């Protein structure tokens, strides 16, 4: 069984605007698992 890995990178302006939580929430709602930060 093959596993896939997705890398998510946040740009500095997204962090400054406080969007990291919104982005992570979207991934979690789609069923992705966070394995590290």
PDB file of N, CA and C in Angstrom:
ATOM      1  N   UNK A   1       0.838  -1.179   0.000  1.00  0.00           N
ATOM      2  CA  UNK A   1       0.000   0.000   0.000  1.00  0.00           C
ATOM      3  C   UNK A   1       0.887   1.249   0.000  1.00  0.00           C
ATOM      4  N   UNK A   2       0.678   2.104  -0.954  1.00  0.00           N
ATOM      5  CA  UNK A   2       1.486   3.319  -1.073  1.00  0.00           C
ATOM      6  C   UNK A   2       0.933   4.413  -0.155  1.00  0.00           C
ATOM      7  N   UNK A   3       1.837   5.148   0.445  1.00  0.00           N
ATOM      8  CA  UNK A   3       1.426   6.297   1.247  1.00  0.00           C
ATOM      9  C   UNK A   3       1.910   7.559   0.566  1.00  0.00           C
ATOM     10  N   UNK A   4       1.142   8.598   0.715  1.00  0.00           N
ATOM     11  CA  UNK A   4       1.503   9.892   0.140  1.00  0.00           C
ATOM     12  C   UNK A   4       1.776  10.869   1.268  1.00  0.00           C
ATOM     13  N   UNK A   5       2.697  11.769   1.023  1.00  0.00           N
ATOM     14  CA  UNK A   5       3.041  12.798   1.989  1.00  0.00           C
ATOM     15  C   UNK A   5       2.876  14.157   1.330  1.00  0.00           C
ATOM     16  N   UNK A   6       2.258  15.076   2.041  1.00  0.00           N
ATOM     17  CA  UNK A   6       2.053  16.429   1.539  1.00  0.00           C
ATOM     18  C   UNK A   6       2.805  17.400   2.438  1.00  0.00           C
ATOM     19  N   UNK A   7       3.574  18.278   1.829  1.00  0.00           N
ATOM     20  CA  UNK A   7       4.306  19.302   2.568  1.00  0.00           C
ATOM     21  C   UNK A   7       3.559  20.623   2.419  1.00  0.00           C
ATOM     22  N   UNK A   8       3.257  21.251   3.535  1.00  0.00           N
ATOM     23  CA  UNK A   8       2.575  22.543   3.526  1.00  0.00           C
ATOM     24  C   UNK A   8       3.551  23.583   4.057  1.00  0.00           C
ATOM     25  N   UNK A   9       3.778  24.620   3.290  1.00  0.00           N
ATOM     26  CA  UNK A   9       4.663  25.714   3.696  1.00  0.00           C
ATOM     27  C   UNK A   9       3.843  26.992   3.834  1.00  0.00           C
ATOM     28  N   UNK A  10       4.114  27.739   4.884  1.00  0.00           N
ATOM     29  CA  UNK A  10       3.438  29.012   5.095  1.00  0.00           C
ATOM     30  C   UNK A  10       4.371  30.142   4.699  1.00  0.00           C
ATOM     31  N   UNK A  11       3.870  31.052   3.904  1.00  0.00           N
ATOM     32  CA  UNK A  11       4.658  32.224   3.543  1.00  0.00           C
ATOM     33  C   UNK A  11       4.625  33.213   4.714  1.00  0.00           C
ATOM     34  N   UNK A  12       5.672  34.020   4.850  1.00  0.00           N
ATOM     35  CA  UNK A  12       5.739  34.948   5.988  1.00  0.00           C
ATOM     36  C   UNK A  12       4.534  35.881   6.104  1.00  0.00           C
ATOM     37  N   UNK A  13       3.998  36.352   4.983  1.00  0.00           N
ATOM     38  CA  UNK A  13       2.853  37.261   5.068  1.00  0.00           C
ATOM     39  C   UNK A  13       1.606  36.546   5.588  1.00  0.00           C
ATOM     40  N   UNK A  14       1.462  35.260   5.308  1.00  0.00           N
ATOM     41  CA  UNK A  14       0.340  34.494   5.844  1.00  0.00           C
ATOM     42  C   UNK A  14       0.431  34.322   7.346  1.00  0.00           C
ATOM     43  N   UNK A  15       1.655  34.149   7.844  1.00  0.00           N
ATOM     44  CA  UNK A  15       1.863  34.045   9.294  1.00  0.00           C
ATOM     45  C   UNK A  15       1.559  35.385   9.958  1.00  0.00           C
ATOM     46  N   UNK A  16       2.018  36.469   9.359  1.00  0.00           N
ATOM     47  CA  UNK A  16       1.787  37.798   9.926  1.00  0.00           C
ATOM     48  C   UNK A  16       0.301  38.138   9.977  1.00  0.00           C
ATOM     49  N   UNK A  17      -0.457  37.642   8.998  1.00  0.00           N
ATOM     50  CA  UNK A  17      -1.898  37.909   8.955  1.00  0.00           C
ATOM     51  C   UNK A  17      -2.689  36.938   9.827  1.00  0.00           C
ATOM     52  N   UNK A  18      -1.998  35.968  10.428  1.00  0.00           N
ATOM     53  CA  UNK A  18      -2.653  35.021  11.322  1.00  0.00           C
ATOM     54  C   UNK A  18      -3.485  33.970  10.607  1.00  0.00           C
ATOM     55  N   UNK A  19      -3.081  33.593   9.398  1.00  0.00           N
ATOM     56  CA  UNK A  19      -3.861  32.648   8.605  1.00  0.00           C
ATOM     57  C   UNK A  19      -3.444  31.194   8.781  1.00  0.00           C
ATOM     58  N   UNK A  20      -2.419  30.933   9.562  1.00  0.00           N
ATOM     59  CA  UNK A  20      -1.930  29.554   9.681  1.00  0.00           C
ATOM     60  C   UNK A  20      -3.000  28.630  10.268  1.00  0.00           C
ATOM     61  N   UNK A  21      -3.742  29.086  11.244  1.00  0.00           N
ATOM     62  CA  UNK A  21      -4.794  28.264  11.833  1.00  0.00           C
ATOM     63  C   UNK A  21      -5.906  27.958  10.850  1.00  0.00           C
ATOM     64  N   UNK A  22      -6.259  28.938  10.034  1.00  0.00           N
ATOM     65  CA  UNK A  22      -7.304  28.751   9.025  1.00  0.00           C
ATOM     66  C   UNK A  22      -6.870  27.706   8.006  1.00  0.00           C
ATOM     67  N   UNK A  23      -5.635  27.796   7.562  1.00  0.00           N
ATOM     68  CA  UNK A  23      -5.117  26.852   6.570  1.00  0.00           C
ATOM     69  C   UNK A  23      -5.050  25.447   7.157  1.00  0.00           C
ATOM     70  N   UNK A  24      -4.519  25.315   8.367  1.00  0.00           N
ATOM     71  CA  UNK A  24      -4.437  24.000   9.006  1.00  0.00           C
ATOM     72  C   UNK A  24      -5.824  23.402   9.212  1.00  0.00           C
ATOM     73  N   UNK A  25      -6.789  24.224   9.573  1.00  0.00           N
ATOM     74  CA  UNK A  25      -8.156  23.745   9.772  1.00  0.00           C
ATOM     75  C   UNK A  25      -8.733  23.175   8.481  1.00  0.00           C
ATOM     76  N   UNK A  26      -8.453  23.808   7.362  1.00  0.00           N
ATOM     77  CA  UNK A  26      -8.940  23.304   6.068  1.00  0.00           C
ATOM     78  C   UNK A  26      -8.370  21.929   5.764  1.00  0.00           C
ATOM     79  N   UNK A  27      -7.089  21.742   6.028  1.00  0.00           N
ATOM     80  CA  UNK A  27      -6.466  20.441   5.784  1.00  0.00           C
ATOM     81  C   UNK A  27      -7.050  19.376   6.714  1.00  0.00           C
ATOM     82  N   UNK A  28      -7.259  19.715   7.974  1.00  0.00           N
ATOM     83  CA  UNK A  28      -7.817  18.755   8.925  1.00  0.00           C
ATOM     84  C   UNK A  28      -9.235  18.346   8.537  1.00  0.00           C
ATOM     85  N   UNK A  29     -10.031  19.296   8.069  1.00  0.00           N
ATOM     86  CA  UNK A  29     -11.401  18.986   7.649  1.00  0.00           C
ATOM     87  C   UNK A  29     -11.429  18.056   6.440  1.00  0.00           C
ATOM     88  N   UNK A  30     -10.387  18.087   5.627  1.00  0.00           N
ATOM     89  CA  UNK A  30     -10.301  17.207   4.456  1.00  0.00           C
ATOM     90  C   UNK A  30      -9.743  15.831   4.806  1.00  0.00           C
ATOM     91  N   UNK A  31      -9.379  15.634   6.069  1.00  0.00           N
ATOM     92  CA  UNK A  31      -8.927  14.319   6.507  1.00  0.00           C
ATOM     93  C   UNK A  31      -7.422  14.135   6.571  1.00  0.00           C
ATOM     94  N   UNK A  32      -6.667  15.199   6.379  1.00  0.00           N
ATOM     95  CA  UNK A  32      -5.214  15.100   6.491  1.00  0.00           C
ATOM     96  C   UNK A  32      -4.826  15.005   7.960  1.00  0.00           C
ATOM     97  N   UNK A  33      -3.703  14.363   8.236  1.00  0.00           N
ATOM     98  CA  UNK A  33      -3.160  14.283   9.590  1.00  0.00           C
ATOM     99  C   UNK A  33      -1.913  15.149   9.661  1.00  0.00           C
ATOM    100  N   UNK A  34      -1.761  15.867  10.758  1.00  0.00           N
ATOM    101  CA  UNK A  34      -0.558  16.672  10.976  1.00  0.00           C
ATOM    102  C   UNK A  34       0.453  15.790  11.687  1.00  0.00           C
ATOM    103  N   UNK A  35       1.605  15.622  11.064  1.00  0.00           N
ATOM    104  CA  UNK A  35       2.632  14.751  11.643  1.00  0.00           C
ATOM    105  C   UNK A  35       3.778  15.546  12.241  1.00  0.00           C
ATOM    106  N   UNK A  36       3.845  16.834  11.991  1.00  0.00           N
ATOM    107  CA  UNK A  36       4.906  17.655  12.554  1.00  0.00           C
ATOM    108  C   UNK A  36       4.690  19.111  12.205  1.00  0.00           C
ATOM    109  N   UNK A  37       5.248  19.971  13.018  1.00  0.00           N
ATOM    110  CA  UNK A  37       5.165  21.414  12.770  1.00  0.00           C
ATOM    111  C   UNK A  37       6.545  22.007  12.827  1.00  0.00           C
TER     112      UNK A  37
END
